[in-house]
Amino acid sequence: MAVDVTIKITDREGQVHEVQAPTDMAMNIMELVRGYEIAPEGTIGVCGGMAMCASCQCYVTSNHELPEMGPDEEAMLSEAFYVKQNSRLGCQLAITEDLDGLEIELAPES
């Protein structure tokens, strides 16, 4: 049985959104942000989730065990602006039950 998980997303203006995310739709964090319209249209997921633009960069602020970065994500973050130790690309974080309670902050637009 599929469950929804709760994720807290701090937008670029500092407002916190606590949203429900389905675990049975093969969605990722970038798609969740777009679906809830947490960032203005055209400012997140510009490349469509291909790890080629870093517009969905976020900072993971909770203490969650996340999957390791793939080479495409590492390469994109090595060229992105505003990168921190806890930076990840939202398009590369699949929504699973393990993400319940995840807290992220959207990185500034570059």
N, C-alpha and C. Protein backbone atom coordinates (compact mmCIF):
# COMPACT_ATOMS: atom_id res chain seq x y z
N MET A 1 0.84 -1.19 0.00
CA MET A 1 0.00 0.00 0.00
C MET A 1 0.88 1.25 0.00
N ALA A 2 0.60 2.13 -0.89
CA ALA A 2 1.38 3.37 -1.01
C ALA A 2 1.01 4.33 0.11
N VAL A 3 1.99 5.07 0.56
CA VAL A 3 1.76 6.07 1.59
C VAL A 3 2.26 7.41 1.10
N ASP A 4 1.72 8.45 1.68
CA ASP A 4 2.24 9.79 1.43
C ASP A 4 3.23 10.12 2.53
N VAL A 5 4.24 10.90 2.20
CA VAL A 5 5.20 11.36 3.19
C VAL A 5 5.07 12.88 3.32
N THR A 6 5.48 13.39 4.44
CA THR A 6 5.44 14.82 4.69
C THR A 6 6.84 15.40 4.45
N ILE A 7 6.89 16.47 3.67
CA ILE A 7 8.16 17.14 3.39
C ILE A 7 7.97 18.63 3.63
N LYS A 8 8.94 19.23 4.33
CA LYS A 8 8.91 20.68 4.58
C LYS A 8 9.86 21.35 3.61
N ILE A 9 9.32 22.31 2.86
CA ILE A 9 10.10 23.02 1.85
C ILE A 9 10.08 24.51 2.18
N THR A 10 11.25 25.08 2.37
CA THR A 10 11.36 26.52 2.57
C THR A 10 11.63 27.14 1.21
N ASP A 11 10.73 28.04 0.78
CA ASP A 11 10.87 28.64 -0.55
C ASP A 11 11.94 29.72 -0.53
N ARG A 12 12.13 30.36 -1.67
CA ARG A 12 13.20 31.36 -1.81
C ARG A 12 12.91 32.66 -1.07
N GLU A 13 11.69 32.82 -0.59
CA GLU A 13 11.34 34.00 0.22
C GLU A 13 11.37 33.68 1.71
N GLY A 14 11.67 32.43 2.08
CA GLY A 14 11.76 32.04 3.47
C GLY A 14 10.48 31.47 4.05
N GLN A 15 9.43 31.33 3.23
CA GLN A 15 8.17 30.77 3.71
C GLN A 15 8.26 29.25 3.71
N VAL A 16 7.79 28.62 4.80
CA VAL A 16 7.84 27.17 4.92
C VAL A 16 6.52 26.57 4.45
N HIS A 17 6.63 25.55 3.61
CA HIS A 17 5.47 24.82 3.09
C HIS A 17 5.59 23.38 3.55
N GLU A 18 4.61 22.90 4.29
CA GLU A 18 4.59 21.49 4.68
C GLU A 18 3.64 20.79 3.73
N VAL A 19 4.18 19.90 2.90
CA VAL A 19 3.38 19.29 1.83
C VAL A 19 3.37 17.77 1.97
N GLN A 20 2.36 17.18 1.37
CA GLN A 20 2.24 15.73 1.30
C GLN A 20 2.75 15.28 -0.07
N ALA A 21 3.57 14.25 -0.06
CA ALA A 21 4.16 13.75 -1.30
C ALA A 21 3.85 12.27 -1.46
N PRO A 22 3.31 11.88 -2.61
CA PRO A 22 3.01 10.47 -2.85
C PRO A 22 4.28 9.68 -3.12
N THR A 23 4.33 8.46 -2.59
CA THR A 23 5.49 7.60 -2.83
C THR A 23 5.25 6.61 -3.96
N ASP A 24 4.07 6.63 -4.55
CA ASP A 24 3.72 5.63 -5.56
C ASP A 24 3.64 6.20 -6.98
N MET A 25 4.17 7.40 -7.19
CA MET A 25 4.06 8.04 -8.50
C MET A 25 5.40 8.28 -9.18
N ALA A 26 6.47 7.75 -8.62
CA ALA A 26 7.82 7.93 -9.18
C ALA A 26 8.17 9.41 -9.36
N MET A 27 7.76 10.22 -8.39
CA MET A 27 8.06 11.66 -8.43
C MET A 27 9.38 11.94 -7.74
N ASN A 28 9.91 13.14 -8.02
CA ASN A 28 11.10 13.60 -7.32
C ASN A 28 10.79 14.95 -6.67
N ILE A 29 11.75 15.46 -5.91
CA ILE A 29 11.55 16.71 -5.17
C ILE A 29 11.27 17.88 -6.12
N MET A 30 11.97 17.95 -7.24
CA MET A 30 11.74 19.03 -8.20
C MET A 30 10.29 19.03 -8.68
N GLU A 31 9.77 17.86 -9.01
CA GLU A 31 8.38 17.76 -9.49
C GLU A 31 7.40 18.13 -8.38
N LEU A 32 7.74 17.79 -7.15
CA LEU A 32 6.89 18.15 -6.01
C LEU A 32 6.81 19.67 -5.86
N VAL A 33 7.95 20.34 -5.95
CA VAL A 33 7.99 21.80 -5.84
C VAL A 33 7.17 22.43 -6.97
N ARG A 34 7.31 21.90 -8.16
CA ARG A 34 6.53 22.42 -9.29
C ARG A 34 5.04 22.16 -9.10
N GLY A 35 4.71 20.96 -8.65
CA GLY A 35 3.31 20.59 -8.46
C GLY A 35 2.58 21.46 -7.45
N TYR A 36 3.28 21.82 -6.39
CA TYR A 36 2.69 22.69 -5.36
C TYR A 36 2.90 24.17 -5.66
N GLU A 37 3.55 24.47 -6.77
CA GLU A 37 3.82 25.85 -7.20
C GLU A 37 4.53 26.65 -6.10
N ILE A 38 5.56 26.04 -5.53
CA ILE A 38 6.32 26.67 -4.46
C ILE A 38 7.34 27.66 -5.01
N ALA A 39 7.75 27.47 -6.24
CA ALA A 39 8.64 28.42 -6.93
C ALA A 39 7.92 28.91 -8.17
N PRO A 40 8.16 30.16 -8.58
CA PRO A 40 7.50 30.67 -9.78
C PRO A 40 7.77 29.79 -10.99
N GLU A 41 6.78 29.65 -11.84
CA GLU A 41 6.91 28.82 -13.03
C GLU A 41 8.10 29.31 -13.86
N GLY A 42 8.85 28.35 -14.38
CA GLY A 42 10.00 28.68 -15.20
C GLY A 42 11.28 28.93 -14.41
N THR A 43 11.21 28.78 -13.07
CA THR A 43 12.41 29.03 -12.27
C THR A 43 12.94 27.76 -11.62
N ILE A 44 12.25 26.66 -11.79
CA ILE A 44 12.71 25.39 -11.20
C ILE A 44 12.46 24.26 -12.20
N GLY A 45 13.44 23.40 -12.33
CA GLY A 45 13.31 22.29 -13.27
C GLY A 45 13.36 22.72 -14.72
N VAL A 46 14.17 23.71 -15.00
CA VAL A 46 14.25 24.28 -16.34
C VAL A 46 14.66 23.22 -17.37
N CYS A 47 15.54 22.30 -16.99
CA CYS A 47 16.00 21.27 -17.93
C CYS A 47 15.07 20.06 -17.96
N GLY A 48 14.02 20.08 -17.17
CA GLY A 48 13.08 18.98 -17.16
C GLY A 48 13.50 17.81 -16.28
N GLY A 49 14.45 18.03 -15.41
CA GLY A 49 14.87 16.97 -14.49
C GLY A 49 15.99 16.10 -15.00
N MET A 50 16.82 16.65 -15.87
CA MET A 50 17.92 15.88 -16.46
C MET A 50 19.27 16.14 -15.77
N ALA A 51 19.27 16.85 -14.64
CA ALA A 51 20.52 17.19 -13.92
C ALA A 51 21.45 18.03 -14.79
N MET A 52 20.85 18.95 -15.57
CA MET A 52 21.65 19.75 -16.49
C MET A 52 21.56 21.26 -16.25
N CYS A 53 20.86 21.70 -15.19
CA CYS A 53 20.73 23.15 -15.04
C CYS A 53 20.86 23.66 -13.61
N ALA A 54 20.69 22.84 -12.62
CA ALA A 54 20.78 23.20 -11.20
C ALA A 54 19.71 24.18 -10.74
N SER A 55 18.66 24.41 -11.55
CA SER A 55 17.59 25.31 -11.09
C SER A 55 16.79 24.71 -9.94
N CYS A 56 16.91 23.40 -9.72
CA CYS A 56 16.18 22.76 -8.62
C CYS A 56 17.09 22.48 -7.44
N GLN A 57 18.27 23.12 -7.41
CA GLN A 57 19.19 22.91 -6.29
C GLN A 57 18.49 23.26 -4.98
N CYS A 58 18.70 22.41 -3.99
CA CYS A 58 18.14 22.67 -2.68
C CYS A 58 19.17 22.28 -1.62
N TYR A 59 18.95 22.80 -0.43
CA TYR A 59 19.81 22.48 0.71
C TYR A 59 19.01 21.56 1.63
N VAL A 60 19.56 20.40 1.92
CA VAL A 60 18.90 19.46 2.82
C VAL A 60 19.24 19.87 4.25
N THR A 61 18.22 20.29 5.00
CA THR A 61 18.45 20.82 6.34
C THR A 61 18.09 19.83 7.45
N SER A 62 17.48 18.71 7.08
CA SER A 62 17.19 17.68 8.08
C SER A 62 18.28 16.61 8.00
N ASN A 63 18.28 15.73 8.98
CA ASN A 63 19.32 14.73 9.08
C ASN A 63 18.84 13.41 8.47
N HIS A 64 18.65 13.40 7.16
CA HIS A 64 18.17 12.20 6.47
C HIS A 64 19.32 11.51 5.73
N GLU A 65 19.26 10.20 5.72
CA GLU A 65 20.18 9.40 4.93
C GLU A 65 19.67 9.42 3.49
N LEU A 66 20.40 10.04 2.60
CA LEU A 66 19.97 10.18 1.20
C LEU A 66 20.81 9.27 0.31
N PRO A 67 20.26 8.90 -0.85
CA PRO A 67 21.06 8.12 -1.79
C PRO A 67 22.29 8.92 -2.22
N GLU A 68 23.36 8.22 -2.54
CA GLU A 68 24.58 8.90 -2.99
C GLU A 68 24.32 9.63 -4.30
N MET A 69 25.06 10.70 -4.50
CA MET A 69 24.96 11.46 -5.75
C MET A 69 25.53 10.64 -6.89
N GLY A 70 24.87 10.74 -8.03
CA GLY A 70 25.39 10.14 -9.24
C GLY A 70 26.37 11.10 -9.90
N PRO A 71 27.09 10.64 -10.90
CA PRO A 71 28.09 11.49 -11.56
C PRO A 71 27.49 12.73 -12.21
N ASP A 72 26.28 12.64 -12.77
CA ASP A 72 25.67 13.81 -13.40
C ASP A 72 25.35 14.88 -12.37
N GLU A 73 24.82 14.46 -11.21
CA GLU A 73 24.50 15.42 -10.16
C GLU A 73 25.77 16.06 -9.61
N GLU A 74 26.79 15.27 -9.37
CA GLU A 74 28.06 15.82 -8.88
C GLU A 74 28.64 16.83 -9.86
N ALA A 75 28.61 16.50 -11.15
CA ALA A 75 29.17 17.39 -12.17
C ALA A 75 28.39 18.70 -12.23
N MET A 76 27.06 18.62 -12.16
CA MET A 76 26.25 19.84 -12.24
C MET A 76 26.49 20.72 -11.02
N LEU A 77 26.53 20.12 -9.85
CA LEU A 77 26.76 20.92 -8.63
C LEU A 77 28.17 21.52 -8.60
N SER A 78 29.12 20.89 -9.27
CA SER A 78 30.48 21.44 -9.28
C SER A 78 30.54 22.73 -10.10
N GLU A 79 29.52 22.96 -10.94
CA GLU A 79 29.48 24.17 -11.78
C GLU A 79 28.41 25.17 -11.34
N ALA A 80 27.59 24.80 -10.38
CA ALA A 80 26.44 25.63 -10.00
C ALA A 80 26.86 26.75 -9.05
N PHE A 81 25.98 27.75 -8.94
CA PHE A 81 26.17 28.84 -7.98
C PHE A 81 25.55 28.46 -6.65
N TYR A 82 25.97 29.10 -5.57
CA TYR A 82 25.38 28.97 -4.23
C TYR A 82 25.43 27.54 -3.67
N VAL A 83 26.41 26.76 -4.10
CA VAL A 83 26.51 25.37 -3.63
C VAL A 83 27.04 25.34 -2.20
N LYS A 84 26.44 24.49 -1.38
CA LYS A 84 26.86 24.27 0.01
C LYS A 84 27.13 22.78 0.21
N GLN A 85 27.64 22.44 1.39
CA GLN A 85 27.90 21.03 1.73
C GLN A 85 26.64 20.18 1.59
N ASN A 86 25.48 20.77 1.91
CA ASN A 86 24.22 20.01 1.93
C ASN A 86 23.40 20.20 0.66
N SER A 87 24.04 20.68 -0.42
CA SER A 87 23.33 20.88 -1.68
C SER A 87 23.02 19.55 -2.36
N ARG A 88 21.83 19.48 -2.93
CA ARG A 88 21.42 18.36 -3.78
C ARG A 88 20.54 18.93 -4.89
N LEU A 89 20.43 18.19 -5.98
CA LEU A 89 19.49 18.56 -7.03
C LEU A 89 18.17 17.85 -6.75
N GLY A 90 17.10 18.64 -6.65
CA GLY A 90 15.80 18.06 -6.35
C GLY A 90 15.35 17.03 -7.37
N CYS A 91 15.76 17.20 -8.62
CA CYS A 91 15.36 16.25 -9.67
C CYS A 91 16.00 14.89 -9.49
N GLN A 92 17.02 14.81 -8.67
CA GLN A 92 17.72 13.54 -8.46
C GLN A 92 17.33 12.86 -7.15
N LEU A 93 16.37 13.46 -6.42
CA LEU A 93 15.92 12.87 -5.15
C LEU A 93 14.52 12.31 -5.33
N ALA A 94 14.44 11.02 -5.55
CA ALA A 94 13.15 10.35 -5.71
C ALA A 94 12.41 10.34 -4.38
N ILE A 95 11.10 10.54 -4.44
CA ILE A 95 10.28 10.55 -3.23
C ILE A 95 9.98 9.11 -2.83
N THR A 96 10.52 8.74 -1.69
CA THR A 96 10.31 7.41 -1.13
C THR A 96 9.88 7.56 0.33
N GLU A 97 9.47 6.46 0.93
CA GLU A 97 9.07 6.50 2.33
C GLU A 97 10.22 6.96 3.23
N ASP A 98 11.47 6.71 2.80
CA ASP A 98 12.64 7.13 3.57
C ASP A 98 12.74 8.65 3.72
N LEU A 99 12.05 9.40 2.86
CA LEU A 99 12.12 10.86 2.92
C LEU A 99 11.07 11.48 3.83
N ASP A 100 10.28 10.67 4.51
CA ASP A 100 9.27 11.23 5.40
C ASP A 100 9.94 12.15 6.42
N GLY A 101 9.44 13.38 6.53
CA GLY A 101 10.00 14.36 7.45
C GLY A 101 11.17 15.15 6.88
N LEU A 102 11.52 14.92 5.64
CA LEU A 102 12.62 15.64 5.01
C LEU A 102 12.36 17.14 5.06
N GLU A 103 13.41 17.91 5.31
CA GLU A 103 13.32 19.37 5.30
C GLU A 103 14.38 19.89 4.35
N ILE A 104 13.92 20.73 3.41
CA ILE A 104 14.84 21.32 2.44
C ILE A 104 14.56 22.81 2.30
N GLU A 105 15.55 23.51 1.78
CA GLU A 105 15.42 24.93 1.47
C GLU A 105 15.85 25.10 0.02
N LEU A 106 15.04 25.79 -0.76
CA LEU A 106 15.40 26.02 -2.17
C LEU A 106 16.57 26.99 -2.23
N ALA A 107 17.55 26.66 -3.06
CA ALA A 107 18.69 27.54 -3.26
C ALA A 107 18.24 28.77 -4.04
N PRO A 108 18.95 29.90 -3.90
CA PRO A 108 18.59 31.09 -4.67
C PRO A 108 18.68 30.83 -6.17
N GLU A 109 17.93 31.61 -6.93
CA GLU A 109 18.05 31.51 -8.39
C GLU A 109 19.43 31.99 -8.79
N SER A 110 19.99 31.36 -9.81
CA SER A 110 21.33 31.78 -10.23
C SER A 110 21.27 32.80 -11.33
